[in-house]
Amino acid sequence: MEKKLFLKPREFAAAISASPSKVYEGIANGSIPSVRIAGLLRIPATFADDLAKRAMAPGADGDAR
């Protein structure tokens, strides 16, 4: 199975165990990167991996902003 390049906001929310409203809030305040492709809001799939790496890095406080 091929890995997706972009996730829908609801897919991203499920991947990080967050509510879709929190994801949309993060998109609005700029803490979650997003792009519009043909009018559709998408989040780079690599951002979820980057977020997990930052959260698990030595010395991380768990607030991976």
PDB file of N, CA and C in Angstrom:
ATOM      1  N   MET A   1       0.845  -1.182   0.000  1.00  0.00           N
ATOM      2  CA  MET A   1       0.000   0.000   0.000  1.00  0.00           C
ATOM      3  C   MET A   1       0.890   1.245   0.000  1.00  0.00           C
ATOM      4  N   GLU A   2       0.546   2.172  -0.847  1.00  0.00           N
ATOM      5  CA  GLU A   2       1.311   3.403  -0.978  1.00  0.00           C
ATOM      6  C   GLU A   2       0.913   4.389   0.113  1.00  0.00           C
ATOM      7  N   LYS A   3       1.925   5.035   0.722  1.00  0.00           N
ATOM      8  CA  LYS A   3       1.653   6.006   1.769  1.00  0.00           C
ATOM      9  C   LYS A   3       1.127   7.294   1.139  1.00  0.00           C
ATOM     10  N   LYS A   4       0.134   7.893   1.773  1.00  0.00           N
ATOM     11  CA  LYS A   4      -0.451   9.140   1.290  1.00  0.00           C
ATOM     12  C   LYS A   4       0.526  10.290   1.495  1.00  0.00           C
ATOM     13  N   LEU A   5       0.512  11.239   0.580  1.00  0.00           N
ATOM     14  CA  LEU A   5       1.327  12.444   0.715  1.00  0.00           C
ATOM     15  C   LEU A   5       0.619  13.496   1.561  1.00  0.00           C
ATOM     16  N   PHE A   6      -0.704  13.517   1.482  1.00  0.00           N
ATOM     17  CA  PHE A   6      -1.504  14.492   2.216  1.00  0.00           C
ATOM     18  C   PHE A   6      -2.658  13.796   2.910  1.00  0.00           C
ATOM     19  N   LEU A   7      -3.059  14.347   4.046  1.00  0.00           N
ATOM     20  CA  LEU A   7      -4.183  13.811   4.812  1.00  0.00           C
ATOM     21  C   LEU A   7      -5.303  14.844   4.881  1.00  0.00           C
ATOM     22  N   LYS A   8      -6.515  14.354   4.923  1.00  0.00           N
ATOM     23  CA  LYS A   8      -7.656  15.217   5.192  1.00  0.00           C
ATOM     24  C   LYS A   8      -7.577  15.607   6.668  1.00  0.00           C
ATOM     25  N   PRO A   9      -8.126  16.758   7.044  1.00  0.00           N
ATOM     26  CA  PRO A   9      -8.081  17.147   8.457  1.00  0.00           C
ATOM     27  C   PRO A   9      -8.628  16.071   9.405  1.00  0.00           C
ATOM     28  N   ARG A  10      -9.701  15.392   9.009  1.00  0.00           N
ATOM     29  CA  ARG A  10     -10.257  14.336   9.884  1.00  0.00           C
ATOM     30  C   ARG A  10      -9.316  13.129   9.979  1.00  0.00           C
ATOM     31  N   GLU A  11      -8.632  12.801   8.889  1.00  0.00           N
ATOM     32  CA  GLU A  11      -7.651  11.706   8.915  1.00  0.00           C
ATOM     33  C   GLU A  11      -6.482  12.061   9.823  1.00  0.00           C
ATOM     34  N   PHE A  12      -6.019  13.314   9.726  1.00  0.00           N
ATOM     35  CA  PHE A  12      -4.925  13.772  10.577  1.00  0.00           C
ATOM     36  C   PHE A  12      -5.352  13.730  12.046  1.00  0.00           C
ATOM     37  N   ALA A  13      -6.573  14.187  12.319  1.00  0.00           N
ATOM     38  CA  ALA A  13      -7.087  14.164  13.688  1.00  0.00           C
ATOM     39  C   ALA A  13      -7.095  12.738  14.245  1.00  0.00           C
ATOM     40  N   ALA A  14      -7.543  11.786  13.447  1.00  0.00           N
ATOM     41  CA  ALA A  14      -7.567  10.388  13.892  1.00  0.00           C
ATOM     42  C   ALA A  14      -6.155   9.865  14.123  1.00  0.00           C
ATOM     43  N   ALA A  15      -5.223  10.264  13.263  1.00  0.00           N
ATOM     44  CA  ALA A  15      -3.838   9.785  13.372  1.00  0.00           C
ATOM     45  C   ALA A  15      -3.168  10.260  14.655  1.00  0.00           C
ATOM     46  N   ILE A  16      -3.538  11.449  15.132  1.00  0.00           N
ATOM     47  CA  ILE A  16      -2.902  11.977  16.344  1.00  0.00           C
ATOM     48  C   ILE A  16      -3.835  11.930  17.560  1.00  0.00           C
ATOM     49  N   SER A  17      -4.954  11.244  17.424  1.00  0.00           N
ATOM     50  CA  SER A  17      -5.944  11.108  18.504  1.00  0.00           C
ATOM     51  C   SER A  17      -6.406  12.464  19.028  1.00  0.00           C
ATOM     52  N   ALA A  18      -6.789  13.316  18.118  1.00  0.00           N
ATOM     53  CA  ALA A  18      -7.295  14.639  18.470  1.00  0.00           C
ATOM     54  C   ALA A  18      -8.652  14.835  17.818  1.00  0.00           C
ATOM     55  N   SER A  19      -9.368  15.819  18.284  1.00  0.00           N
ATOM     56  CA  SER A  19     -10.657  16.104  17.668  1.00  0.00           C
ATOM     57  C   SER A  19     -10.434  16.905  16.387  1.00  0.00           C
ATOM     58  N   PRO A  20     -11.315  16.723  15.419  1.00  0.00           N
ATOM     59  CA  PRO A  20     -11.196  17.525  14.191  1.00  0.00           C
ATOM     60  C   PRO A  20     -11.223  19.033  14.474  1.00  0.00           C
ATOM     61  N   SER A  21     -12.003  19.453  15.477  1.00  0.00           N
ATOM     62  CA  SER A  21     -12.069  20.886  15.783  1.00  0.00           C
ATOM     63  C   SER A  21     -10.718  21.418  16.250  1.00  0.00           C
ATOM     64  N   LYS A  22      -9.962  20.615  16.991  1.00  0.00           N
ATOM     65  CA  LYS A  22      -8.620  21.032  17.424  1.00  0.00           C
ATOM     66  C   LYS A  22      -7.676  21.126  16.228  1.00  0.00           C
ATOM     67  N   VAL A  23      -7.835  20.230  15.271  1.00  0.00           N
ATOM     68  CA  VAL A  23      -7.015  20.277  14.061  1.00  0.00           C
ATOM     69  C   VAL A  23      -7.327  21.542  13.271  1.00  0.00           C
ATOM     70  N   TYR A  24      -8.600  21.843  13.091  1.00  0.00           N
ATOM     71  CA  TYR A  24      -8.972  23.063  12.372  1.00  0.00           C
ATOM     72  C   TYR A  24      -8.480  24.300  13.121  1.00  0.00           C
ATOM     73  N   GLU A  25      -8.504  24.259  14.440  1.00  0.00           N
ATOM     74  CA  GLU A  25      -7.990  25.369  15.247  1.00  0.00           C
ATOM     75  C   GLU A  25      -6.483  25.539  15.000  1.00  0.00           C
ATOM     76  N   GLY A  26      -5.754  24.422  14.975  1.00  0.00           N
ATOM     77  CA  GLY A  26      -4.316  24.465  14.705  1.00  0.00           C
ATOM     78  C   GLY A  26      -4.000  24.975  13.307  1.00  0.00           C
ATOM     79  N   ILE A  27      -4.828  24.613  12.352  1.00  0.00           N
ATOM     80  CA  ILE A  27      -4.655  25.118  10.987  1.00  0.00           C
ATOM     81  C   ILE A  27      -4.871  26.630  10.978  1.00  0.00           C
ATOM     82  N   ALA A  28      -5.915  27.072  11.658  1.00  0.00           N
ATOM     83  CA  ALA A  28      -6.251  28.502  11.680  1.00  0.00           C
ATOM     84  C   ALA A  28      -5.168  29.341  12.348  1.00  0.00           C
ATOM     85  N   ASN A  29      -4.559  28.797  13.431  1.00  0.00           N
ATOM     86  CA  ASN A  29      -3.543  29.595  14.126  1.00  0.00           C
ATOM     87  C   ASN A  29      -2.126  29.359  13.598  1.00  0.00           C
ATOM     88  N   GLY A  30      -2.000  28.493  12.594  1.00  0.00           N
ATOM     89  CA  GLY A  30      -0.709  28.285  11.947  1.00  0.00           C
ATOM     90  C   GLY A  30       0.175  27.222  12.571  1.00  0.00           C
ATOM     91  N   SER A  31      -0.286  26.544  13.627  1.00  0.00           N
ATOM     92  CA  SER A  31       0.550  25.517  14.255  1.00  0.00           C
ATOM     93  C   SER A  31       0.507  24.181  13.513  1.00  0.00           C
ATOM     94  N   ILE A  32      -0.468  24.010  12.639  1.00  0.00           N
ATOM     95  CA  ILE A  32      -0.546  22.825  11.782  1.00  0.00           C
ATOM     96  C   ILE A  32      -0.491  23.317  10.335  1.00  0.00           C
ATOM     97  N   PRO A  33       0.538  22.898   9.597  1.00  0.00           N
ATOM     98  CA  PRO A  33       0.654  23.359   8.211  1.00  0.00           C
ATOM     99  C   PRO A  33      -0.425  22.719   7.336  1.00  0.00           C
ATOM    100  N   SER A  34      -0.882  23.496   6.381  1.00  0.00           N
ATOM    101  CA  SER A  34      -1.897  22.974   5.463  1.00  0.00           C
ATOM    102  C   SER A  34      -1.762  23.666   4.118  1.00  0.00           C
ATOM    103  N   VAL A  35      -2.331  23.024   3.120  1.00  0.00           N
ATOM    104  CA  VAL A  35      -2.382  23.591   1.771  1.00  0.00           C
ATOM    105  C   VAL A  35      -3.779  23.354   1.219  1.00  0.00           C
ATOM    106  N   ARG A  36      -4.133  24.159   0.255  1.00  0.00           N
ATOM    107  CA  ARG A  36      -5.385  23.939  -0.466  1.00  0.00           C
ATOM    108  C   ARG A  36      -5.021  23.401  -1.834  1.00  0.00           C
ATOM    109  N   ILE A  37      -5.595  22.267  -2.171  1.00  0.00           N
ATOM    110  CA  ILE A  37      -5.375  21.637  -3.469  1.00  0.00           C
ATOM    111  C   ILE A  37      -6.737  21.527  -4.129  1.00  0.00           C
ATOM    112  N   ALA A  38      -6.902  22.264  -5.199  1.00  0.00           N
ATOM    113  CA  ALA A  38      -8.196  22.313  -5.904  1.00  0.00           C
ATOM    114  C   ALA A  38      -9.333  22.631  -4.934  1.00  0.00           C
ATOM    115  N   GLY A  39      -9.053  23.531  -3.986  1.00  0.00           N
ATOM    116  CA  GLY A  39     -10.070  23.946  -3.026  1.00  0.00           C
ATOM    117  C   GLY A  39     -10.213  23.040  -1.816  1.00  0.00           C
ATOM    118  N   LEU A  40      -9.473  21.931  -1.777  1.00  0.00           N
ATOM    119  CA  LEU A  40      -9.569  20.977  -0.674  1.00  0.00           C
ATOM    120  C   LEU A  40      -8.438  21.207   0.320  1.00  0.00           C
ATOM    121  N   LEU A  41      -8.759  21.282   1.590  1.00  0.00           N
ATOM    122  CA  LEU A  41      -7.774  21.501   2.640  1.00  0.00           C
ATOM    123  C   LEU A  41      -7.054  20.188   2.948  1.00  0.00           C
ATOM    124  N   ARG A  42      -5.730  20.210   2.896  1.00  0.00           N
ATOM    125  CA  ARG A  42      -4.939  19.011   3.153  1.00  0.00           C
ATOM    126  C   ARG A  42      -3.739  19.341   4.029  1.00  0.00           C
ATOM    127  N   ILE A  43      -3.294  18.337   4.808  1.00  0.00           N
ATOM    128  CA  ILE A  43      -2.145  18.461   5.710  1.00  0.00           C
ATOM    129  C   ILE A  43      -1.073  17.501   5.224  1.00  0.00           C
ATOM    130  N   PRO A  44       0.175  17.970   5.106  1.00  0.00           N
ATOM    131  CA  PRO A  44       1.240  17.056   4.681  1.00  0.00           C
ATOM    132  C   PRO A  44       1.339  15.861   5.642  1.00  0.00           C
ATOM    133  N   ALA A  45       1.332  14.663   5.104  1.00  0.00           N
ATOM    134  CA  ALA A  45       1.371  13.457   5.937  1.00  0.00           C
ATOM    135  C   ALA A  45       2.640  13.400   6.782  1.00  0.00           C
ATOM    136  N   THR A  46       3.714  13.967   6.293  1.00  0.00           N
ATOM    137  CA  THR A  46       4.971  13.944   7.047  1.00  0.00           C
ATOM    138  C   THR A  46       4.885  14.750   8.329  1.00  0.00           C
ATOM    139  N   PHE A  47       3.923  15.686   8.418  1.00  0.00           N
ATOM    140  CA  PHE A  47       3.812  16.492   9.631  1.00  0.00           C
ATOM    141  C   PHE A  47       3.458  15.636  10.844  1.00  0.00           C
ATOM    142  N   ALA A  48       2.630  14.626  10.695  1.00  0.00           N
ATOM    143  CA  ALA A  48       2.283  13.736  11.817  1.00  0.00           C
ATOM    144  C   ALA A  48       3.530  13.012  12.314  1.00  0.00           C
ATOM    145  N   ASP A  49       4.378  12.543  11.390  1.00  0.00           N
ATOM    146  CA  ASP A  49       5.626  11.876  11.779  1.00  0.00           C
ATOM    147  C   ASP A  49       6.561  12.848  12.483  1.00  0.00           C
ATOM    148  N   ASP A  50       6.688  14.054  11.946  1.00  0.00           N
ATOM    149  CA  ASP A  50       7.552  15.071  12.556  1.00  0.00           C
ATOM    150  C   ASP A  50       7.061  15.437  13.954  1.00  0.00           C
ATOM    151  N   LEU A  51       5.764  15.547  14.112  1.00  0.00           N
ATOM    152  CA  LEU A  51       5.167  15.872  15.399  1.00  0.00           C
ATOM    153  C   LEU A  51       5.494  14.796  16.435  1.00  0.00           C
ATOM    154  N   ALA A  52       5.380  13.538  16.050  1.00  0.00           N
ATOM    155  CA  ALA A  52       5.684  12.430  16.959  1.00  0.00           C
ATOM    156  C   ALA A  52       7.162  12.427  17.336  1.00  0.00           C
ATOM    157  N   LYS A  53       8.033  12.667  16.364  1.00  0.00           N
ATOM    158  CA  LYS A  53       9.469  12.697  16.655  1.00  0.00           C
ATOM    159  C   LYS A  53       9.816  13.802  17.639  1.00  0.00           C
ATOM    160  N   ARG A  54       9.231  14.987  17.434  1.00  0.00           N
ATOM    161  CA  ARG A  54       9.510  16.109  18.353  1.00  0.00           C
ATOM    162  C   ARG A  54       8.985  15.818  19.745  1.00  0.00           C
ATOM    163  N   ALA A  55       7.810  15.210  19.832  1.00  0.00           N
ATOM    164  CA  ALA A  55       7.207  14.921  21.133  1.00  0.00           C
ATOM    165  C   ALA A  55       7.999  13.882  21.910  1.00  0.00           C
ATOM    166  N   MET A  56       8.673  12.980  21.187  1.00  0.00           N
ATOM    167  CA  MET A  56       9.402  11.894  21.846  1.00  0.00           C
ATOM    168  C   MET A  56      10.897  12.181  21.971  1.00  0.00           C
ATOM    169  N   ALA A  57      11.340  13.341  21.525  1.00  0.00           N
ATOM    170  CA  ALA A  57      12.758  13.684  21.604  1.00  0.00           C
ATOM    171  C   ALA A  57      13.163  13.887  23.056  1.00  0.00           C
ATOM    172  N   PRO A  58      14.414  13.551  23.373  1.00  0.00           N
ATOM    173  CA  PRO A  58      14.908  13.779  24.742  1.00  0.00           C
ATOM    174  C   PRO A  58      14.728  15.255  25.139  1.00  0.00           C
ATOM    175  N   GLY A  59      14.179  15.456  26.311  1.00  0.00           N
ATOM    176  CA  GLY A  59      13.963  16.813  26.796  1.00  0.00           C
ATOM    177  C   GLY A  59      12.669  17.446  26.332  1.00  0.00           C
ATOM    178  N   ALA A  60      11.897  16.740  25.526  1.00  0.00           N
ATOM    179  CA  ALA A  60      10.619  17.286  25.053  1.00  0.00           C
ATOM    180  C   ALA A  60       9.652  17.338  26.218  1.00  0.00           C
ATOM    181  N   ASP A  61       8.875  18.400  26.270  1.00  0.00           N
ATOM    182  CA  ASP A  61       7.914  18.549  27.371  1.00  0.00           C
ATOM    183  C   ASP A  61       6.536  18.003  27.038  1.00  0.00           C
ATOM    184  N   GLY A  62       6.428  17.386  25.845  1.00  0.00           N
ATOM    185  CA  GLY A  62       5.144  16.821  25.447  1.00  0.00           C
ATOM    186  C   GLY A  62       4.261  17.786  24.698  1.00  0.00           C
ATOM    187  N   ASP A  63       4.640  19.057  24.705  1.00  0.00           N
ATOM    188  CA  ASP A  63       3.873  20.083  23.978  1.00  0.00           C
ATOM    189  C   ASP A  63       4.609  20.376  22.689  1.00  0.00           C
ATOM    190  N   ALA A  64       4.330  19.573  21.658  1.00  0.00           N
ATOM    191  CA  ALA A  64       5.100  19.620  20.407  1.00  0.00           C
ATOM    192  C   ALA A  64       4.573  20.687  19.458  1.00  0.00           C
ATOM    193  N   ARG A  65       4.644  21.948  19.866  1.00  0.00           N
ATOM    194  CA  ARG A  65       4.193  23.039  18.994  1.00  0.00           C
ATOM    195  C   ARG A  65       5.285  23.511  18.109  1.00  0.00           C
TER     196      ARG A  65
END
